[in-house]
Amino acid sequence: NVEPPGYARVSRIGCSHPWVNYCDSVHAAIRFVLSEGKRVIVVGQPRMSGTVTAAHAKQQHMLGAMIRSEFASEPHVAYVDLGNAVDLGDPDYTFDAMHLNGEGNRKVAEVLAPHVLAMAKQ
């Protein structure tokens, strides 16, 4: 198990290894969209189950914390955590415990719609 170099362990926006690039990329994307005068909704994915449950939950928690920390005063940025919106272990919502089927997408849309409508009113 090789320790990552210091610059890759923790980013200036508070994300840590192994999600430094992930958080930095989302941060850069949000900044770009804002620079174009647009609004942003970042959606935290439904949590995966099985052997990746803890890692996926930590990644999404770190993403949400970064957005709250970096964009708390920005009204045109919203973070919606859909971690518990759909049980990815339930075959009624997914065909492979990762990708949503039609019913899973309907459920996510149902939970996400009020946030989209609220952002559209701004």
PDB file of N, CA and C in Angstrom:
ATOM      1  N   ASN A   1       0.849  -1.169   0.000  1.00  0.00           N
ATOM      2  CA  ASN A   1       0.000   0.000   0.000  1.00  0.00           C
ATOM      3  C   ASN A   1       0.898   1.237   0.000  1.00  0.00           C
ATOM      4  N   VAL A   2       0.949   1.932  -1.105  1.00  0.00           N
ATOM      5  CA  VAL A   2       1.833   3.082  -1.271  1.00  0.00           C
ATOM      6  C   VAL A   2       1.096   4.353  -0.864  1.00  0.00           C
ATOM      7  N   GLU A   3       1.749   5.149  -0.043  1.00  0.00           N
ATOM      8  CA  GLU A   3       1.183   6.431   0.391  1.00  0.00           C
ATOM      9  C   GLU A   3       1.246   7.410  -0.783  1.00  0.00           C
ATOM     10  N   PRO A   4       0.135   8.114  -1.079  1.00  0.00           N
ATOM     11  CA  PRO A   4       0.171   9.079  -2.175  1.00  0.00           C
ATOM     12  C   PRO A   4       1.060  10.263  -1.810  1.00  0.00           C
ATOM     13  N   PRO A   5       1.596  10.954  -2.822  1.00  0.00           N
ATOM     14  CA  PRO A   5       2.412  12.125  -2.517  1.00  0.00           C
ATOM     15  C   PRO A   5       1.573  13.165  -1.767  1.00  0.00           C
ATOM     16  N   GLY A   6       2.237  14.042  -1.020  1.00  0.00           N
ATOM     17  CA  GLY A   6       1.560  15.027  -0.192  1.00  0.00           C
ATOM     18  C   GLY A   6       0.545  15.856  -0.946  1.00  0.00           C
ATOM     19  N   TYR A   7       0.874  16.284  -2.182  1.00  0.00           N
ATOM     20  CA  TYR A   7      -0.044  17.130  -2.933  1.00  0.00           C
ATOM     21  C   TYR A   7      -1.318  16.398  -3.321  1.00  0.00           C
ATOM     22  N   ALA A   8      -1.309  15.068  -3.294  1.00  0.00           N
ATOM     23  CA  ALA A   8      -2.487  14.306  -3.694  1.00  0.00           C
ATOM     24  C   ALA A   8      -3.303  13.819  -2.499  1.00  0.00           C
ATOM     25  N   ARG A   9      -2.819  14.068  -1.283  1.00  0.00           N
ATOM     26  CA  ARG A   9      -3.527  13.563  -0.100  1.00  0.00           C
ATOM     27  C   ARG A   9      -4.689  14.432   0.328  1.00  0.00           C
ATOM     28  N   VAL A  10      -4.518  15.757   0.275  1.00  0.00           N
ATOM     29  CA  VAL A  10      -5.571  16.677   0.668  1.00  0.00           C
ATOM     30  C   VAL A  10      -5.538  17.875  -0.264  1.00  0.00           C
ATOM     31  N   SER A  11      -6.702  18.246  -0.776  1.00  0.00           N
ATOM     32  CA  SER A  11      -6.764  19.391  -1.673  1.00  0.00           C
ATOM     33  C   SER A  11      -6.999  20.665  -0.879  1.00  0.00           C
ATOM     34  N   ARG A  12      -6.821  21.797  -1.509  1.00  0.00           N
ATOM     35  CA  ARG A  12      -7.038  23.082  -0.840  1.00  0.00           C
ATOM     36  C   ARG A  12      -8.500  23.286  -0.472  1.00  0.00           C
ATOM     37  N   ILE A  13      -9.417  22.511  -1.071  1.00  0.00           N
ATOM     38  CA  ILE A  13     -10.841  22.652  -0.771  1.00  0.00           C
ATOM     39  C   ILE A  13     -11.323  21.590   0.214  1.00  0.00           C
ATOM     40  N   GLY A  14     -10.375  20.859   0.821  1.00  0.00           N
ATOM     41  CA  GLY A  14     -10.723  19.961   1.914  1.00  0.00           C
ATOM     42  C   GLY A  14     -10.978  18.512   1.562  1.00  0.00           C
ATOM     43  N   CYS A  15     -10.884  18.140   0.317  1.00  0.00           N
ATOM     44  CA  CYS A  15     -11.095  16.738  -0.050  1.00  0.00           C
ATOM     45  C   CYS A  15      -9.800  15.971   0.142  1.00  0.00           C
ATOM     46  N   SER A  16      -9.920  14.701   0.489  1.00  0.00           N
ATOM     47  CA  SER A  16      -8.723  13.907   0.734  1.00  0.00           C
ATOM     48  C   SER A  16      -8.658  12.695  -0.190  1.00  0.00           C
ATOM     49  N   HIS A  17      -7.501  12.072  -0.182  1.00  0.00           N
ATOM     50  CA  HIS A  17      -7.226  10.893  -0.995  1.00  0.00           C
ATOM     51  C   HIS A  17      -8.251   9.807  -0.663  1.00  0.00           C
ATOM     52  N   PRO A  18      -8.799   9.113  -1.617  1.00  0.00           N
ATOM     53  CA  PRO A  18      -8.501   9.112  -3.050  1.00  0.00           C
ATOM     54  C   PRO A  18      -9.437   9.984  -3.890  1.00  0.00           C
ATOM     55  N   TRP A  19     -10.136  10.939  -3.268  1.00  0.00           N
ATOM     56  CA  TRP A  19     -11.141  11.717  -4.005  1.00  0.00           C
ATOM     57  C   TRP A  19     -10.714  13.147  -4.299  1.00  0.00           C
ATOM     58  N   VAL A  20      -9.448  13.446  -4.209  1.00  0.00           N
ATOM     59  CA  VAL A  20      -8.957  14.790  -4.474  1.00  0.00           C
ATOM     60  C   VAL A  20      -9.324  15.219  -5.888  1.00  0.00           C
ATOM     61  N   ASN A  21      -8.991  14.416  -6.881  1.00  0.00           N
ATOM     62  CA  ASN A  21      -9.285  14.791  -8.269  1.00  0.00           C
ATOM     63  C   ASN A  21     -10.781  14.882  -8.524  1.00  0.00           C
ATOM     64  N   TYR A  22     -11.545  13.974  -7.932  1.00  0.00           N
ATOM     65  CA  TYR A  22     -13.003  13.985  -8.082  1.00  0.00           C
ATOM     66  C   TYR A  22     -13.577  15.305  -7.571  1.00  0.00           C
ATOM     67  N   CYS A  23     -13.254  15.676  -6.339  1.00  0.00           N
ATOM     68  CA  CYS A  23     -13.770  16.916  -5.763  1.00  0.00           C
ATOM     69  C   CYS A  23     -13.256  18.141  -6.517  1.00  0.00           C
ATOM     70  N   ASP A  24     -11.973  18.145  -6.839  1.00  0.00           N
ATOM     71  CA  ASP A  24     -11.416  19.284  -7.565  1.00  0.00           C
ATOM     72  C   ASP A  24     -12.097  19.444  -8.927  1.00  0.00           C
ATOM     73  N   SER A  25     -12.403  18.348  -9.584  1.00  0.00           N
ATOM     74  CA  SER A  25     -13.074  18.411 -10.888  1.00  0.00           C
ATOM     75  C   SER A  25     -14.494  18.948 -10.762  1.00  0.00           C
ATOM     76  N   VAL A  26     -15.224  18.494  -9.752  1.00  0.00           N
ATOM     77  CA  VAL A  26     -16.584  18.997  -9.532  1.00  0.00           C
ATOM     78  C   VAL A  26     -16.522  20.487  -9.180  1.00  0.00           C
ATOM     79  N   HIS A  27     -15.574  20.864  -8.339  1.00  0.00           N
ATOM     80  CA  HIS A  27     -15.396  22.270  -7.959  1.00  0.00           C
ATOM     81  C   HIS A  27     -15.141  23.120  -9.201  1.00  0.00           C
ATOM     82  N   ALA A  28     -14.231  22.676 -10.056  1.00  0.00           N
ATOM     83  CA  ALA A  28     -13.911  23.423 -11.279  1.00  0.00           C
ATOM     84  C   ALA A  28     -15.129  23.514 -12.200  1.00  0.00           C
ATOM     85  N   ALA A  29     -15.897  22.435 -12.292  1.00  0.00           N
ATOM     86  CA  ALA A  29     -17.094  22.444 -13.142  1.00  0.00           C
ATOM     87  C   ALA A  29     -18.122  23.447 -12.610  1.00  0.00           C
ATOM     88  N   ILE A  30     -18.317  23.482 -11.297  1.00  0.00           N
ATOM     89  CA  ILE A  30     -19.261  24.435 -10.709  1.00  0.00           C
ATOM     90  C   ILE A  30     -18.800  25.863 -10.984  1.00  0.00           C
ATOM     91  N   ARG A  31     -17.532  26.130 -10.766  1.00  0.00           N
ATOM     92  CA  ARG A  31     -16.983  27.472 -11.027  1.00  0.00           C
ATOM     93  C   ARG A  31     -17.188  27.873 -12.490  1.00  0.00           C
ATOM     94  N   PHE A  32     -16.956  26.946 -13.407  1.00  0.00           N
ATOM     95  CA  PHE A  32     -17.136  27.244 -14.825  1.00  0.00           C
ATOM     96  C   PHE A  32     -18.590  27.592 -15.134  1.00  0.00           C
ATOM     97  N   VAL A  33     -19.520  26.778 -14.642  1.00  0.00           N
ATOM     98  CA  VAL A  33     -20.941  27.024 -14.902  1.00  0.00           C
ATOM     99  C   VAL A  33     -21.354  28.377 -14.333  1.00  0.00           C
ATOM    100  N   LEU A  34     -20.916  28.693 -13.121  1.00  0.00           N
ATOM    101  CA  LEU A  34     -21.228  29.992 -12.535  1.00  0.00           C
ATOM    102  C   LEU A  34     -20.646  31.133 -13.362  1.00  0.00           C
ATOM    103  N   SER A  35     -19.441  30.940 -13.902  1.00  0.00           N
ATOM    104  CA  SER A  35     -18.816  31.990 -14.716  1.00  0.00           C
ATOM    105  C   SER A  35     -19.590  32.246 -16.008  1.00  0.00           C
ATOM    106  N   GLU A  36     -20.386  31.273 -16.409  1.00  0.00           N
ATOM    107  CA  GLU A  36     -21.235  31.415 -17.596  1.00  0.00           C
ATOM    108  C   GLU A  36     -22.599  32.016 -17.238  1.00  0.00           C
ATOM    109  N   GLY A  37     -22.788  32.374 -15.975  1.00  0.00           N
ATOM    110  CA  GLY A  37     -24.033  32.987 -15.535  1.00  0.00           C
ATOM    111  C   GLY A  37     -25.184  32.010 -15.363  1.00  0.00           C
ATOM    112  N   LYS A  38     -24.860  30.754 -15.155  1.00  0.00           N
ATOM    113  CA  LYS A  38     -25.889  29.729 -15.028  1.00  0.00           C
ATOM    114  C   LYS A  38     -25.982  29.233 -13.586  1.00  0.00           C
ATOM    115  N   ARG A  39     -27.043  28.498 -13.311  1.00  0.00           N
ATOM    116  CA  ARG A  39     -27.256  27.906 -11.993  1.00  0.00           C
ATOM    117  C   ARG A  39     -26.818  26.443 -12.019  1.00  0.00           C
ATOM    118  N   VAL A  40     -26.497  25.909 -10.846  1.00  0.00           N
ATOM    119  CA  VAL A  40     -25.949  24.564 -10.758  1.00  0.00           C
ATOM    120  C   VAL A  40     -26.674  23.761  -9.684  1.00  0.00           C
ATOM    121  N   ILE A  41     -27.081  22.557 -10.037  1.00  0.00           N
ATOM    122  CA  ILE A  41     -27.535  21.587  -9.048  1.00  0.00           C
ATOM    123  C   ILE A  41     -26.604  20.394  -9.160  1.00  0.00           C
ATOM    124  N   VAL A  42     -25.917  20.082  -8.080  1.00  0.00           N
ATOM    125  CA  VAL A  42     -25.070  18.903  -8.026  1.00  0.00           C
ATOM    126  C   VAL A  42     -25.863  17.838  -7.274  1.00  0.00           C
ATOM    127  N   VAL A  43     -25.951  16.670  -7.872  1.00  0.00           N
ATOM    128  CA  VAL A  43     -26.759  15.599  -7.299  1.00  0.00           C
ATOM    129  C   VAL A  43     -25.857  14.495  -6.768  1.00  0.00           C
ATOM    130  N   GLY A  44     -25.963  14.245  -5.467  1.00  0.00           N
ATOM    131  CA  GLY A  44     -25.261  13.118  -4.859  1.00  0.00           C
ATOM    132  C   GLY A  44     -25.975  11.835  -5.239  1.00  0.00           C
ATOM    133  N   GLN A  45     -25.232  10.895  -5.730  1.00  0.00           N
ATOM    134  CA  GLN A  45     -25.787   9.647  -6.259  1.00  0.00           C
ATOM    135  C   GLN A  45     -26.413   8.775  -5.187  1.00  0.00           C
ATOM    136  N   PRO A  46     -27.401   7.968  -5.591  1.00  0.00           N
ATOM    137  CA  PRO A  46     -27.882   6.928  -4.673  1.00  0.00           C
ATOM    138  C   PRO A  46     -26.698   6.063  -4.243  1.00  0.00           C
ATOM    139  N   ARG A  47     -26.675   5.673  -2.972  1.00  0.00           N
ATOM    140  CA  ARG A  47     -25.544   4.920  -2.432  1.00  0.00           C
ATOM    141  C   ARG A  47     -25.534   3.496  -2.948  1.00  0.00           C
ATOM    142  N   MET A  48     -24.364   3.095  -3.369  1.00  0.00           N
ATOM    143  CA  MET A  48     -24.164   1.723  -3.824  1.00  0.00           C
ATOM    144  C   MET A  48     -24.098   0.806  -2.611  1.00  0.00           C
ATOM    145  N   SER A  49     -24.370  -0.444  -2.855  1.00  0.00           N
ATOM    146  CA  SER A  49     -24.333  -1.410  -1.757  1.00  0.00           C
ATOM    147  C   SER A  49     -23.219  -2.420  -2.000  1.00  0.00           C
ATOM    148  N   GLY A  50     -23.106  -3.371  -1.120  1.00  0.00           N
ATOM    149  CA  GLY A  50     -22.077  -4.400  -1.262  1.00  0.00           C
ATOM    150  C   GLY A  50     -20.737  -3.920  -0.759  1.00  0.00           C
ATOM    151  N   THR A  51     -19.681  -4.362  -1.407  1.00  0.00           N
ATOM    152  CA  THR A  51     -18.323  -4.089  -0.933  1.00  0.00           C
ATOM    153  C   THR A  51     -17.915  -2.627  -1.073  1.00  0.00           C
ATOM    154  N   VAL A  52     -18.628  -1.839  -1.870  1.00  0.00           N
ATOM    155  CA  VAL A  52     -18.241  -0.442  -2.073  1.00  0.00           C
ATOM    156  C   VAL A  52     -19.078   0.535  -1.254  1.00  0.00           C
ATOM    157  N   THR A  53     -19.960   0.045  -0.404  1.00  0.00           N
ATOM    158  CA  THR A  53     -20.885   0.901   0.345  1.00  0.00           C
ATOM    159  C   THR A  53     -20.163   1.997   1.130  1.00  0.00           C
ATOM    160  N   ALA A  54     -19.217   1.637   1.965  1.00  0.00           N
ATOM    161  CA  ALA A  54     -18.541   2.613   2.820  1.00  0.00           C
ATOM    162  C   ALA A  54     -17.743   3.616   1.998  1.00  0.00           C
ATOM    163  N   ALA A  55     -17.021   3.151   0.998  1.00  0.00           N
ATOM    164  CA  ALA A  55     -16.216   4.054   0.169  1.00  0.00           C
ATOM    165  C   ALA A  55     -17.106   5.022  -0.605  1.00  0.00           C
ATOM    166  N   HIS A  56     -18.192   4.532  -1.159  1.00  0.00           N
ATOM    167  CA  HIS A  56     -19.091   5.399  -1.928  1.00  0.00           C
ATOM    168  C   HIS A  56     -19.751   6.427  -1.009  1.00  0.00           C
ATOM    169  N   ALA A  57     -20.172   6.003   0.170  1.00  0.00           N
ATOM    170  CA  ALA A  57     -20.779   6.935   1.128  1.00  0.00           C
ATOM    171  C   ALA A  57     -19.775   8.014   1.532  1.00  0.00           C
ATOM    172  N   LYS A  58     -18.517   7.640   1.760  1.00  0.00           N
ATOM    173  CA  LYS A  58     -17.497   8.621   2.144  1.00  0.00           C
ATOM    174  C   LYS A  58     -17.239   9.603   1.000  1.00  0.00           C
ATOM    175  N   GLN A  59     -17.174   9.095  -0.223  1.00  0.00           N
ATOM    176  CA  GLN A  59     -16.963   9.963  -1.385  1.00  0.00           C
ATOM    177  C   GLN A  59     -18.088  10.992  -1.488  1.00  0.00           C
ATOM    178  N   GLN A  60     -19.328  10.542  -1.388  1.00  0.00           N
ATOM    179  CA  GLN A  60     -20.464  11.447  -1.524  1.00  0.00           C
ATOM    180  C   GLN A  60     -20.556  12.414  -0.345  1.00  0.00           C
ATOM    181  N   HIS A  61     -20.219  11.957   0.855  1.00  0.00           N
ATOM    182  CA  HIS A  61     -20.195  12.845   2.022  1.00  0.00           C
ATOM    183  C   HIS A  61     -19.152  13.943   1.818  1.00  0.00           C
ATOM    184  N   MET A  62     -17.984  13.566   1.324  1.00  0.00           N
ATOM    185  CA  MET A  62     -16.915  14.532   1.089  1.00  0.00           C
ATOM    186  C   MET A  62     -17.331  15.543   0.026  1.00  0.00           C
ATOM    187  N   LEU A  63     -18.001  15.077  -1.006  1.00  0.00           N
ATOM    188  CA  LEU A  63     -18.480  15.978  -2.056  1.00  0.00           C
ATOM    189  C   LEU A  63     -19.462  16.995  -1.470  1.00  0.00           C
ATOM    190  N   GLY A  64     -20.435  16.523  -0.715  1.00  0.00           N
ATOM    191  CA  GLY A  64     -21.411  17.423  -0.114  1.00  0.00           C
ATOM    192  C   GLY A  64     -20.763  18.435   0.818  1.00  0.00           C
ATOM    193  N   ALA A  65     -19.810  17.978   1.626  1.00  0.00           N
ATOM    194  CA  ALA A  65     -19.108  18.876   2.543  1.00  0.00           C
ATOM    195  C   ALA A  65     -18.330  19.939   1.774  1.00  0.00           C
ATOM    196  N   MET A  66     -17.686  19.554   0.684  1.00  0.00           N
ATOM    197  CA  MET A  66     -16.936  20.516  -0.124  1.00  0.00           C
ATOM    198  C   MET A  66     -17.876  21.566  -0.699  1.00  0.00           C
ATOM    199  N   ILE A  67     -19.029  21.139  -1.220  1.00  0.00           N
ATOM    200  CA  ILE A  67     -19.963  22.091  -1.818  1.00  0.00           C
ATOM    201  C   ILE A  67     -20.518  23.042  -0.758  1.00  0.00           C
ATOM    202  N   ARG A  68     -20.880  22.513   0.395  1.00  0.00           N
ATOM    203  CA  ARG A  68     -21.373  23.379   1.477  1.00  0.00           C
ATOM    204  C   ARG A  68     -20.294  24.372   1.917  1.00  0.00           C
ATOM    205  N   SER A  69     -19.068  23.915   2.020  1.00  0.00           N
ATOM    206  CA  SER A  69     -17.970  24.759   2.463  1.00  0.00           C
ATOM    207  C   SER A  69     -17.614  25.832   1.433  1.00  0.00           C
ATOM    208  N   GLU A  70     -17.502  25.442   0.199  1.00  0.00           N
ATOM    209  CA  GLU A  70     -17.028  26.343  -0.851  1.00  0.00           C
ATOM    210  C   GLU A  70     -18.114  27.237  -1.448  1.00  0.00           C
ATOM    211  N   PHE A  71     -19.360  26.795  -1.396  1.00  0.00           N
ATOM    212  CA  PHE A  71     -20.420  27.517  -2.100  1.00  0.00           C
ATOM    213  C   PHE A  71     -21.604  27.884  -1.205  1.00  0.00           C
ATOM    214  N   ALA A  72     -21.403  27.908   0.109  1.00  0.00           N
ATOM    215  CA  ALA A  72     -22.496  28.184   1.042  1.00  0.00           C
ATOM    216  C   ALA A  72     -23.169  29.526   0.776  1.00  0.00           C
ATOM    217  N   SER A  73     -22.416  30.504   0.353  1.00  0.00           N
ATOM    218  CA  SER A  73     -22.979  31.838   0.129  1.00  0.00           C
ATOM    219  C   SER A  73     -23.417  32.066  -1.315  1.00  0.00           C
ATOM    220  N   GLU A  74     -23.348  31.031  -2.125  1.00  0.00           N
ATOM    221  CA  GLU A  74     -23.698  31.157  -3.545  1.00  0.00           C
ATOM    222  C   GLU A  74     -25.122  30.638  -3.769  1.00  0.00           C
ATOM    223  N   PRO A  75     -26.101  31.533  -3.989  1.00  0.00           N
ATOM    224  CA  PRO A  75     -27.493  31.088  -4.143  1.00  0.00           C
ATOM    225  C   PRO A  75     -27.760  30.302  -5.422  1.00  0.00           C
ATOM    226  N   HIS A  76     -26.851  30.370  -6.365  1.00  0.00           N
ATOM    227  CA  HIS A  76     -27.050  29.659  -7.628  1.00  0.00           C
ATOM    228  C   HIS A  76     -26.435  28.269  -7.639  1.00  0.00           C
ATOM    229  N   VAL A  77     -26.041  27.782  -6.469  1.00  0.00           N
ATOM    230  CA  VAL A  77     -25.501  26.424  -6.336  1.00  0.00           C
ATOM    231  C   VAL A  77     -26.321  25.673  -5.297  1.00  0.00           C
ATOM    232  N   ALA A  78     -26.772  24.492  -5.674  1.00  0.00           N
ATOM    233  CA  ALA A  78     -27.499  23.634  -4.734  1.00  0.00           C
ATOM    234  C   ALA A  78     -26.907  22.232  -4.791  1.00  0.00           C
ATOM    235  N   TYR A  79     -26.874  21.603  -3.654  1.00  0.00           N
ATOM    236  CA  TYR A  79     -26.457  20.207  -3.575  1.00  0.00           C
ATOM    237  C   TYR A  79     -27.645  19.403  -3.080  1.00  0.00           C
ATOM    238  N   VAL A  80     -27.995  18.366  -3.817  1.00  0.00           N
ATOM    239  CA  VAL A  80     -29.105  17.500  -3.449  1.00  0.00           C
ATOM    240  C   VAL A  80     -28.549  16.097  -3.246  1.00  0.00           C
ATOM    241  N   ASP A  81     -28.629  15.614  -2.031  1.00  0.00           N
ATOM    242  CA  ASP A  81     -28.123  14.284  -1.710  1.00  0.00           C
ATOM    243  C   ASP A  81     -29.242  13.265  -1.924  1.00  0.00           C
ATOM    244  N   LEU A  82     -29.101  12.452  -2.947  1.00  0.00           N
ATOM    245  CA  LEU A  82     -30.088  11.413  -3.243  1.00  0.00           C
ATOM    246  C   LEU A  82     -29.603  10.045  -2.775  1.00  0.00           C
ATOM    247  N   GLY A  83     -28.686  10.045  -1.810  1.00  0.00           N
ATOM    248  CA  GLY A  83     -28.105   8.809  -1.326  1.00  0.00           C
ATOM    249  C   GLY A  83     -29.111   7.761  -0.903  1.00  0.00           C
ATOM    250  N   ASN A  84     -30.207   8.194  -0.306  1.00  0.00           N
ATOM    251  CA  ASN A  84     -31.212   7.252   0.177  1.00  0.00           C
ATOM    252  C   ASN A  84     -32.498   7.276  -0.645  1.00  0.00           C
ATOM    253  N   ALA A  85     -32.479   7.930  -1.782  1.00  0.00           N
ATOM    254  CA  ALA A  85     -33.687   8.053  -2.602  1.00  0.00           C
ATOM    255  C   ALA A  85     -34.114   6.717  -3.201  1.00  0.00           C
ATOM    256  N   VAL A  86     -33.143   5.891  -3.522  1.00  0.00           N
ATOM    257  CA  VAL A  86     -33.414   4.600  -4.159  1.00  0.00           C
ATOM    258  C   VAL A  86     -32.499   3.558  -3.529  1.00  0.00           C
ATOM    259  N   ASP A  87     -33.047   2.414  -3.207  1.00  0.00           N
ATOM    260  CA  ASP A  87     -32.247   1.303  -2.698  1.00  0.00           C
ATOM    261  C   ASP A  87     -31.672   0.550  -3.899  1.00  0.00           C
ATOM    262  N   LEU A  88     -30.368   0.729  -4.129  1.00  0.00           N
ATOM    263  CA  LEU A  88     -29.746   0.085  -5.290  1.00  0.00           C
ATOM    264  C   LEU A  88     -29.648  -1.422  -5.159  1.00  0.00           C
ATOM    265  N   GLY A  89     -29.994  -1.949  -4.013  1.00  0.00           N
ATOM    266  CA  GLY A  89     -30.059  -3.393  -3.842  1.00  0.00           C
ATOM    267  C   GLY A  89     -31.418  -3.963  -4.219  1.00  0.00           C
ATOM    268  N   ASP A  90     -32.373  -3.104  -4.510  1.00  0.00           N
ATOM    269  CA  ASP A  90     -33.743  -3.513  -4.829  1.00  0.00           C
ATOM    270  C   ASP A  90     -33.905  -3.668  -6.340  1.00  0.00           C
ATOM    271  N   PRO A  91     -34.150  -4.880  -6.828  1.00  0.00           N
ATOM    272  CA  PRO A  91     -34.273  -5.102  -8.270  1.00  0.00           C
ATOM    273  C   PRO A  91     -35.487  -4.409  -8.898  1.00  0.00           C
ATOM    274  N   ASP A  92     -36.370  -3.839  -8.090  1.00  0.00           N
ATOM    275  CA  ASP A  92     -37.460  -3.053  -8.650  1.00  0.00           C
ATOM    276  C   ASP A  92     -36.963  -1.725  -9.217  1.00  0.00           C
ATOM    277  N   TYR A  93     -35.764  -1.284  -8.776  1.00  0.00           N
ATOM    278  CA  TYR A  93     -35.232   0.009  -9.193  1.00  0.00           C
ATOM    279  C   TYR A  93     -33.970  -0.070 -10.046  1.00  0.00           C
ATOM    280  N   THR A  94     -33.306  -1.190 -10.055  1.00  0.00           N
ATOM    281  CA  THR A  94     -32.045  -1.319 -10.789  1.00  0.00           C
ATOM    282  C   THR A  94     -31.880  -2.745 -11.288  1.00  0.00           C
ATOM    283  N   PHE A  95     -31.216  -2.873 -12.404  1.00  0.00           N
ATOM    284  CA  PHE A  95     -31.014  -4.207 -12.971  1.00  0.00           C
ATOM    285  C   PHE A  95     -29.663  -4.804 -12.621  1.00  0.00           C
ATOM    286  N   ASP A  96     -28.760  -3.994 -12.028  1.00  0.00           N
ATOM    287  CA  ASP A  96     -27.421  -4.504 -11.719  1.00  0.00           C
ATOM    288  C   ASP A  96     -26.846  -3.951 -10.415  1.00  0.00           C
ATOM    289  N   ALA A  97     -27.696  -3.436  -9.540  1.00  0.00           N
ATOM    290  CA  ALA A  97     -27.290  -2.859  -8.259  1.00  0.00           C
ATOM    291  C   ALA A  97     -26.449  -1.587  -8.411  1.00  0.00           C
ATOM    292  N   MET A  98     -26.490  -0.986  -9.616  1.00  0.00           N
ATOM    293  CA  MET A  98     -25.775   0.263  -9.848  1.00  0.00           C
ATOM    294  C   MET A  98     -26.573   1.212 -10.739  1.00  0.00           C
ATOM    295  N   HIS A  99     -27.004   0.710 -11.884  1.00  0.00           N
ATOM    296  CA  HIS A  99     -27.693   1.534 -12.871  1.00  0.00           C
ATOM    297  C   HIS A  99     -29.204   1.417 -12.698  1.00  0.00           C
ATOM    298  N   LEU A 100     -29.866   2.566 -12.729  1.00  0.00           N
ATOM    299  CA  LEU A 100     -31.306   2.591 -12.513  1.00  0.00           C
ATOM    300  C   LEU A 100     -32.071   2.121 -13.744  1.00  0.00           C
ATOM    301  N   ASN A 101     -33.183   1.454 -13.493  1.00  0.00           N
ATOM    302  CA  ASN A 101     -34.113   1.115 -14.572  1.00  0.00           C
ATOM    303  C   ASN A 101     -35.145   2.244 -14.641  1.00  0.00           C
ATOM    304  N   GLY A 102     -36.195   2.062 -15.416  1.00  0.00           N
ATOM    305  CA  GLY A 102     -37.212   3.095 -15.561  1.00  0.00           C
ATOM    306  C   GLY A 102     -37.842   3.490 -14.250  1.00  0.00           C
ATOM    307  N   GLU A 103     -38.198   2.527 -13.421  1.00  0.00           N
ATOM    308  CA  GLU A 103     -38.829   2.825 -12.135  1.00  0.00           C
ATOM    309  C   GLU A 103     -37.858   3.544 -11.194  1.00  0.00           C
ATOM    310  N   GLY A 104     -36.589   3.142 -11.229  1.00  0.00           N
ATOM    311  CA  GLY A 104     -35.586   3.826 -10.417  1.00  0.00           C
ATOM    312  C   GLY A 104     -35.407   5.271 -10.848  1.00  0.00           C
ATOM    313  N   ASN A 105     -35.381   5.515 -12.157  1.00  0.00           N
ATOM    314  CA  ASN A 105     -35.272   6.875 -12.666  1.00  0.00           C
ATOM    315  C   ASN A 105     -36.504   7.700 -12.311  1.00  0.00           C
ATOM    316  N   ARG A 106     -37.680   7.084 -12.338  1.00  0.00           N
ATOM    317  CA  ARG A 106     -38.900   7.786 -11.962  1.00  0.00           C
ATOM    318  C   ARG A 106     -38.827   8.231 -10.504  1.00  0.00           C
ATOM    319  N   LYS A 107     -38.346   7.341  -9.660  1.00  0.00           N
ATOM    320  CA  LYS A 107     -38.235   7.633  -8.225  1.00  0.00           C
ATOM    321  C   LYS A 107     -37.248   8.781  -7.996  1.00  0.00           C
ATOM    322  N   VAL A 108     -36.109   8.741  -8.660  1.00  0.00           N
ATOM    323  CA  VAL A 108     -35.120   9.812  -8.531  1.00  0.00           C
ATOM    324  C   VAL A 108     -35.707  11.133  -9.039  1.00  0.00           C
ATOM    325  N   ALA A 109     -36.385  11.102 -10.168  1.00  0.00           N
ATOM    326  CA  ALA A 109     -36.990  12.318 -10.714  1.00  0.00           C
ATOM    327  C   ALA A 109     -38.019  12.906  -9.752  1.00  0.00           C
ATOM    328  N   GLU A 110     -38.779  12.050  -9.111  1.00  0.00           N
ATOM    329  CA  GLU A 110     -39.783  12.484  -8.140  1.00  0.00           C
ATOM    330  C   GLU A 110     -39.142  13.239  -6.970  1.00  0.00           C
ATOM    331  N   VAL A 111     -38.010  12.749  -6.506  1.00  0.00           N
ATOM    332  CA  VAL A 111     -37.309  13.387  -5.386  1.00  0.00           C
ATOM    333  C   VAL A 111     -36.569  14.642  -5.847  1.00  0.00           C
ATOM    334  N   LEU A 112     -36.039  14.627  -7.052  1.00  0.00           N
ATOM    335  CA  LEU A 112     -35.232  15.732  -7.565  1.00  0.00           C
ATOM    336  C   LEU A 112     -36.075  16.897  -8.076  1.00  0.00           C
ATOM    337  N   ALA A 113     -37.263  16.641  -8.588  1.00  0.00           N
ATOM    338  CA  ALA A 113     -38.090  17.666  -9.233  1.00  0.00           C
ATOM    339  C   ALA A 113     -38.307  18.921  -8.380  1.00  0.00           C
ATOM    340  N   PRO A 114     -38.650  18.803  -7.100  1.00  0.00           N
ATOM    341  CA  PRO A 114     -38.853  20.034  -6.321  1.00  0.00           C
ATOM    342  C   PRO A 114     -37.607  20.921  -6.248  1.00  0.00           C
ATOM    343  N   HIS A 115     -36.445  20.308  -6.236  1.00  0.00           N
ATOM    344  CA  HIS A 115     -35.189  21.076  -6.193  1.00  0.00           C
ATOM    345  C   HIS A 115     -34.946  21.788  -7.509  1.00  0.00           C
ATOM    346  N   VAL A 116     -35.246  21.131  -8.607  1.00  0.00           N
ATOM    347  CA  VAL A 116     -35.101  21.738  -9.931  1.00  0.00           C
ATOM    348  C   VAL A 116     -36.076  22.908 -10.072  1.00  0.00           C
ATOM    349  N   LEU A 117     -37.306  22.700  -9.644  1.00  0.00           N
ATOM    350  CA  LEU A 117     -38.304  23.770  -9.724  1.00  0.00           C
ATOM    351  C   LEU A 117     -37.916  24.969  -8.853  1.00  0.00           C
ATOM    352  N   ALA A 118     -37.395  24.709  -7.657  1.00  0.00           N
ATOM    353  CA  ALA A 118     -36.954  25.797  -6.785  1.00  0.00           C
ATOM    354  C   ALA A 118     -35.810  26.574  -7.425  1.00  0.00           C
ATOM    355  N   MET A 119     -34.869  25.876  -8.028  1.00  0.00           N
ATOM    356  CA  MET A 119     -33.757  26.552  -8.682  1.00  0.00           C
ATOM    357  C   MET A 119     -34.241  27.348  -9.889  1.00  0.00           C
ATOM    358  N   ALA A 120     -35.215  26.830 -10.615  1.00  0.00           N
ATOM    359  CA  ALA A 120     -35.741  27.522 -11.791  1.00  0.00           C
ATOM    360  C   ALA A 120     -36.434  28.831 -11.426  1.00  0.00           C
ATOM    361  N   LYS A 121     -36.958  28.929 -10.213  1.00  0.00           N
ATOM    362  CA  LYS A 121     -37.636  30.141  -9.773  1.00  0.00           C
ATOM    363  C   LYS A 121     -36.692  31.259  -9.400  1.00  0.00           C
ATOM    364  N   GLN A 122     -35.420  30.966  -9.258  1.00  0.00           N
ATOM    365  CA  GLN A 122     -34.442  31.989  -8.858  1.00  0.00           C
ATOM    366  C   GLN A 122     -34.135  32.926 -10.008  1.00  0.00           C
TER     367      GLN A 122
END
